[in-house]
Amino acid sequence: MPKVAFVNEHRIVEVPAGKNLKSLALELGINPHREFFRGINCGYWGLCGLCQVWIRESAPGSVNPRNTRERMAGTRGQRRLACQVRIFGDVEITTMAGGDARLRSPRPISPPPQPTIDPTAKRKPIDAAPTAEFVLGHPAAVGTGTRGTTERAASDDDTDADADADAPGTEEG
């Protein structure tokens, strides 16, 4: 019996020769479709192209040759339509990434902080730094004195000239 390995889902199963790949995947709970709307596909006719998978054959002839529908869909190389593939030998199947959750529930994500409801939630402070929205700085922070002064790097010649001009009793005139 041929062995089918689903790479992304970490599953290896033995199937009878001639089994359709899409029906096998659906029996195992693996969604071969890459759409986000359930049930919207051509139903094994090979017209929609939503069940594209990559097939690596262990030996030539492990799957049936491409038919006219797959050639019209433009599948080349290892890319095939799962609804048109019949399995006759050992193969590795790589399904399309993304789409629905493949075999597990999505990872838990904590809710975003809500400073208006929870006073202990951290808030991003408003600073006077320029952004794409406020090129000259945030209006709420400009003119409040929160921006630090920029220090000018002075050369030794500038420092000596400034010291001479500021010294008392060196007024000209």
C-alpha atoms as a PDB file:
ATOM      1  CA  MET A   1       0.000   0.000   0.000  1.00  0.00           C
ATOM      2  CA  PRO A   2       1.339   3.470  -0.873  1.00  0.00           C
ATOM      3  CA  LYS A   3       2.429   5.775   1.947  1.00  0.00           C
ATOM      4  CA  VAL A   4       1.355   9.413   1.855  1.00  0.00           C
ATOM      5  CA  ALA A   5       3.244  11.900   4.019  1.00  0.00           C
ATOM      6  CA  PHE A   6       1.649  15.292   4.684  1.00  0.00           C
ATOM      7  CA  VAL A   7       4.676  17.462   5.413  1.00  0.00           C
ATOM      8  CA  ASN A   8       3.099  20.537   7.049  1.00  0.00           C
ATOM      9  CA  GLU A   9       0.675  18.492   9.125  1.00  0.00           C
ATOM     10  CA  HIS A  10       3.230  15.855  10.229  1.00  0.00           C
ATOM     11  CA  ARG A  11       1.024  12.932   9.169  1.00  0.00           C
ATOM     12  CA  ILE A  12       1.972   9.690   7.399  1.00  0.00           C
ATOM     13  CA  VAL A  13      -0.779   7.303   6.294  1.00  0.00           C
ATOM     14  CA  GLU A  14      -1.083   4.214   4.122  1.00  0.00           C
ATOM     15  CA  VAL A  15      -3.806   4.314   1.480  1.00  0.00           C
ATOM     16  CA  PRO A  16      -5.134   1.923  -1.162  1.00  0.00           C
ATOM     17  CA  ALA A  17      -3.728   2.503  -4.646  1.00  0.00           C
ATOM     18  CA  GLY A  18      -5.852   4.814  -6.787  1.00  0.00           C
ATOM     19  CA  LYS A  19      -7.160   6.893  -3.868  1.00  0.00           C
ATOM     20  CA  ASN A  20      -7.982  10.540  -4.653  1.00  0.00           C
ATOM     21  CA  LEU A  21      -5.699  12.948  -2.780  1.00  0.00           C
ATOM     22  CA  LYS A  22      -8.345  15.553  -1.944  1.00  0.00           C
ATOM     23  CA  SER A  23     -10.762  12.991  -0.504  1.00  0.00           C
ATOM     24  CA  LEU A  24      -7.903  11.470   1.535  1.00  0.00           C
ATOM     25  CA  ALA A  25      -6.959  14.855   2.970  1.00  0.00           C
ATOM     26  CA  LEU A  26     -10.545  15.664   3.882  1.00  0.00           C
ATOM     27  CA  GLU A  27     -10.943  12.243   5.570  1.00  0.00           C
ATOM     28  CA  LEU A  28      -7.890  13.028   7.709  1.00  0.00           C
ATOM     29  CA  GLY A  29      -9.249  16.447   8.673  1.00  0.00           C
ATOM     30  CA  ILE A  30      -6.695  18.305   6.543  1.00  0.00           C
ATOM     31  CA  ASN A  31      -8.179  21.141   4.508  1.00  0.00           C
ATOM     32  CA  PRO A  32      -6.407  21.181   1.124  1.00  0.00           C
ATOM     33  CA  HIS A  33      -8.156  24.398   0.086  1.00  0.00           C
ATOM     34  CA  ARG A  34      -6.435  27.710   0.436  1.00  0.00           C
ATOM     35  CA  GLU A  35      -9.585  29.826   0.515  1.00  0.00           C
ATOM     36  CA  PHE A  36     -11.005  31.346   3.640  1.00  0.00           C
ATOM     37  CA  PHE A  37     -14.650  30.692   2.724  1.00  0.00           C
ATOM     38  CA  ARG A  38     -15.670  27.124   3.515  1.00  0.00           C
ATOM     39  CA  GLY A  39     -17.391  25.120   0.840  1.00  0.00           C
ATOM     40  CA  ILE A  40     -16.636  27.464  -2.048  1.00  0.00           C
ATOM     41  CA  ASN A  41     -14.791  25.307  -4.551  1.00  0.00           C
ATOM     42  CA  CYS A  42     -15.503  23.457  -7.791  1.00  0.00           C
ATOM     43  CA  GLY A  43     -16.215  20.082  -6.181  1.00  0.00           C
ATOM     44  CA  TYR A  44     -13.586  17.797  -7.768  1.00  0.00           C
ATOM     45  CA  TRP A  45     -13.925  19.345 -11.260  1.00  0.00           C
ATOM     46  CA  GLY A  46     -10.458  20.939 -11.288  1.00  0.00           C
ATOM     47  CA  LEU A  47     -11.764  24.347 -12.326  1.00  0.00           C
ATOM     48  CA  CYS A  48     -11.164  26.593  -9.326  1.00  0.00           C
ATOM     49  CA  GLY A  49      -7.513  25.813  -8.553  1.00  0.00           C
ATOM     50  CA  LEU A  50      -8.021  26.263  -4.807  1.00  0.00           C
ATOM     51  CA  CYS A  51      -6.714  22.806  -3.835  1.00  0.00           C
ATOM     52  CA  GLN A  52      -3.147  23.292  -5.096  1.00  0.00           C
ATOM     53  CA  VAL A  53      -0.537  21.154  -3.372  1.00  0.00           C
ATOM     54  CA  TRP A  54       3.091  20.254  -4.006  1.00  0.00           C
ATOM     55  CA  ILE A  55       3.764  16.571  -4.615  1.00  0.00           C
ATOM     56  CA  ARG A  56       7.182  14.928  -4.351  1.00  0.00           C
ATOM     57  CA  GLU A  57       7.077  11.438  -5.843  1.00  0.00           C
ATOM     58  CA  SER A  58       9.380   8.737  -4.468  1.00  0.00           C
ATOM     59  CA  ALA A  59       9.439   7.131  -7.928  1.00  0.00           C
ATOM     60  CA  PRO A  60       8.057   8.171 -11.304  1.00  0.00           C
ATOM     61  CA  GLY A  61       4.467   7.014 -11.677  1.00  0.00           C
ATOM     62  CA  SER A  62       3.581   7.385  -7.988  1.00  0.00           C
ATOM     63  CA  VAL A  63       0.676   9.595  -9.071  1.00  0.00           C
ATOM     64  CA  ASN A  64      -1.365   9.805 -12.249  1.00  0.00           C
ATOM     65  CA  PRO A  65      -0.079  12.067 -15.056  1.00  0.00           C
ATOM     66  CA  ARG A  66      -1.456  15.594 -15.445  1.00  0.00           C
ATOM     67  CA  ASN A  67      -4.790  15.805 -17.199  1.00  0.00           C
ATOM     68  CA  THR A  68      -6.180  18.581 -19.392  1.00  0.00           C
ATOM     69  CA  ARG A  69      -7.749  20.437 -16.476  1.00  0.00           C
ATOM     70  CA  GLU A  70      -4.432  20.681 -14.660  1.00  0.00           C
ATOM     71  CA  ARG A  71      -2.660  21.830 -17.810  1.00  0.00           C
ATOM     72  CA  MET A  72      -5.331  24.529 -18.277  1.00  0.00           C
ATOM     73  CA  ALA A  73      -4.818  25.626 -14.648  1.00  0.00           C
ATOM     74  CA  GLY A  74      -1.115  26.067 -15.409  1.00  0.00           C
ATOM     75  CA  THR A  75       0.310  23.674 -12.845  1.00  0.00           C
ATOM     76  CA  ARG A  76       3.979  22.929 -13.442  1.00  0.00           C
ATOM     77  CA  GLY A  77       6.720  21.055 -11.644  1.00  0.00           C
ATOM     78  CA  GLN A  78       5.599  19.558  -8.351  1.00  0.00           C
ATOM     79  CA  ARG A  79       2.459  21.716  -8.088  1.00  0.00           C
ATOM     80  CA  ARG A  80      -0.757  19.795  -8.743  1.00  0.00           C
ATOM     81  CA  LEU A  81      -4.494  20.049  -8.036  1.00  0.00           C
ATOM     82  CA  ALA A  82      -5.374  17.685  -5.175  1.00  0.00           C
ATOM     83  CA  CYS A  83      -8.802  16.934  -6.636  1.00  0.00           C
ATOM     84  CA  GLN A  84      -7.221  15.565  -9.844  1.00  0.00           C
ATOM     85  CA  VAL A  85      -4.444  13.451  -8.278  1.00  0.00           C
ATOM     86  CA  ARG A  86      -4.723   9.688  -7.788  1.00  0.00           C
ATOM     87  CA  ILE A  87      -2.083   8.024  -5.605  1.00  0.00           C
ATOM     88  CA  PHE A  88      -0.298   4.877  -6.856  1.00  0.00           C
ATOM     89  CA  GLY A  89       3.001   5.038  -4.899  1.00  0.00           C
ATOM     90  CA  ASP A  90       4.772   6.725  -1.998  1.00  0.00           C
ATOM     91  CA  VAL A  91       4.487  10.523  -2.076  1.00  0.00           C
ATOM     92  CA  GLU A  92       5.140  13.575   0.104  1.00  0.00           C
ATOM     93  CA  ILE A  93       2.439  16.236   0.046  1.00  0.00           C
ATOM     94  CA  THR A  94       3.061  19.849   0.995  1.00  0.00           C
ATOM     95  CA  THR A  95      -0.175  21.770   1.430  1.00  0.00           C
ATOM     96  CA  MET A  96      -0.594  25.505   0.972  1.00  0.00           C
ATOM     97  CA  ALA A  97       0.413  27.453   4.055  1.00  0.00           C
ATOM     98  CA  GLY A  98      -2.138  29.667   5.739  1.00  0.00           C
ATOM     99  CA  GLY A  99      -5.858  29.434   5.314  1.00  0.00           C
ATOM    100  CA  ASP A 100      -7.778  27.685   8.034  1.00  0.00           C
ATOM    101  CA  ALA A 101      -6.152  26.219  11.098  1.00  0.00           C
ATOM    102  CA  ARG A 102      -4.722  22.960   9.808  1.00  0.00           C
ATOM    103  CA  LEU A 103      -4.984  20.537  12.716  1.00  0.00           C
ATOM    104  CA  ARG A 104      -4.926  22.578  15.889  1.00  0.00           C
ATOM    105  CA  SER A 105      -6.650  25.603  17.311  1.00  0.00           C
ATOM    106  CA  PRO A 106      -4.913  28.916  16.760  1.00  0.00           C
ATOM    107  CA  ARG A 107      -2.361  29.976  19.327  1.00  0.00           C
ATOM    108  CA  PRO A 108      -3.797  32.041  22.169  1.00  0.00           C
ATOM    109  CA  ILE A 109      -3.229  35.762  21.922  1.00  0.00           C
ATOM    110  CA  SER A 110      -3.799  38.014  24.891  1.00  0.00           C
ATOM    111  CA  PRO A 111      -6.215  40.895  24.366  1.00  0.00           C
ATOM    112  CA  PRO A 112      -4.745  44.350  23.709  1.00  0.00           C
ATOM    113  CA  PRO A 113      -4.379  46.685  26.691  1.00  0.00           C
ATOM    114  CA  GLN A 114      -7.321  49.025  27.279  1.00  0.00           C
ATOM    115  CA  PRO A 115      -6.114  52.058  29.229  1.00  0.00           C
ATOM    116  CA  THR A 116      -9.578  53.639  29.219  1.00  0.00           C
ATOM    117  CA  ILE A 117     -11.015  50.679  31.162  1.00  0.00           C
ATOM    118  CA  ASP A 118      -7.976  49.475  33.113  1.00  0.00           C
ATOM    119  CA  PRO A 119      -6.010  52.360  34.684  1.00  0.00           C
ATOM    120  CA  THR A 120      -2.992  50.108  35.348  1.00  0.00           C
ATOM    121  CA  ALA A 121      -2.524  49.358  31.620  1.00  0.00           C
ATOM    122  CA  LYS A 122       0.604  50.851  30.098  1.00  0.00           C
ATOM    123  CA  ARG A 123       0.149  53.733  27.684  1.00  0.00           C
ATOM    124  CA  LYS A 124       2.590  54.899  25.080  1.00  0.00           C
ATOM    125  CA  PRO A 125       3.642  58.377  26.119  1.00  0.00           C
ATOM    126  CA  ILE A 126       3.093  61.282  23.759  1.00  0.00           C
ATOM    127  CA  ASP A 127       6.450  62.741  22.886  1.00  0.00           C
ATOM    128  CA  ALA A 128       7.538  65.529  20.608  1.00  0.00           C
ATOM    129  CA  ALA A 129       9.372  63.209  18.243  1.00  0.00           C
ATOM    130  CA  PRO A 130       8.318  63.642  14.624  1.00  0.00           C
ATOM    131  CA  THR A 131       6.323  60.890  12.935  1.00  0.00           C
ATOM    132  CA  ALA A 132       4.809  60.433   9.495  1.00  0.00           C
ATOM    133  CA  GLU A 133       1.568  61.948  10.760  1.00  0.00           C
ATOM    134  CA  PHE A 134       3.096  64.880  12.643  1.00  0.00           C
ATOM    135  CA  VAL A 135       6.239  65.911  10.787  1.00  0.00           C
ATOM    136  CA  LEU A 136       7.098  68.714  13.234  1.00  0.00           C
ATOM    137  CA  GLY A 137       6.259  66.642  16.320  1.00  0.00           C
ATOM    138  CA  HIS A 138       3.033  65.777  18.122  1.00  0.00           C
ATOM    139  CA  PRO A 139       0.944  68.927  18.695  1.00  0.00           C
ATOM    140  CA  ALA A 140       0.176  67.969  22.291  1.00  0.00           C
ATOM    141  CA  ALA A 141       3.874  67.799  23.153  1.00  0.00           C
ATOM    142  CA  VAL A 142       5.290  70.676  21.086  1.00  0.00           C
ATOM    143  CA  GLY A 143       5.911  73.775  23.176  1.00  0.00           C
ATOM    144  CA  THR A 144       5.521  72.014  26.517  1.00  0.00           C
ATOM    145  CA  GLY A 145       9.226  71.896  27.194  1.00  0.00           C
ATOM    146  CA  THR A 146       9.386  68.103  27.116  1.00  0.00           C
ATOM    147  CA  ARG A 147      11.798  68.008  24.209  1.00  0.00           C
ATOM    148  CA  GLY A 148      15.422  68.127  25.261  1.00  0.00           C
ATOM    149  CA  THR A 149      17.755  70.654  23.728  1.00  0.00           C
ATOM    150  CA  THR A 150      20.150  69.435  21.110  1.00  0.00           C
ATOM    151  CA  GLU A 151      23.763  69.969  21.917  1.00  0.00           C
ATOM    152  CA  ARG A 152      25.915  71.466  19.239  1.00  0.00           C
ATOM    153  CA  ALA A 153      29.308  69.989  18.735  1.00  0.00           C
ATOM    154  CA  ALA A 154      31.714  72.893  18.742  1.00  0.00           C
ATOM    155  CA  SER A 155      35.249  72.839  17.497  1.00  0.00           C
ATOM    156  CA  ASP A 156      38.179  74.205  19.536  1.00  0.00           C
ATOM    157  CA  ASP A 157      38.375  77.353  17.389  1.00  0.00           C
ATOM    158  CA  ASP A 158      34.707  78.188  18.032  1.00  0.00           C
ATOM    159  CA  THR A 159      35.146  77.698  21.769  1.00  0.00           C
ATOM    160  CA  ASP A 160      38.127  80.088  21.938  1.00  0.00           C
ATOM    161  CA  ALA A 161      36.325  82.763  19.914  1.00  0.00           C
ATOM    162  CA  ASP A 162      33.195  82.483  22.095  1.00  0.00           C
ATOM    163  CA  ALA A 163      35.265  82.709  25.286  1.00  0.00           C
ATOM    164  CA  ASP A 164      37.035  85.875  24.058  1.00  0.00           C
ATOM    165  CA  ALA A 165      33.780  87.556  23.102  1.00  0.00           C
ATOM    166  CA  ASP A 166      32.120  86.747  26.427  1.00  0.00           C
ATOM    167  CA  ALA A 167      35.023  87.907  28.623  1.00  0.00           C
ATOM    168  CA  PRO A 168      34.247  91.119  30.613  1.00  0.00           C
ATOM    169  CA  GLY A 169      36.166  94.247  29.721  1.00  0.00           C
ATOM    170  CA  THR A 170      36.870  93.247  26.156  1.00  0.00           C
ATOM    171  CA  GLU A 171      34.334  95.536  24.605  1.00  0.00           C
ATOM    172  CA  GLU A 172      35.383  97.214  21.428  1.00  0.00           C
ATOM    173  CA  GLY A 173      34.734 100.779  20.655  1.00  0.00           C
END
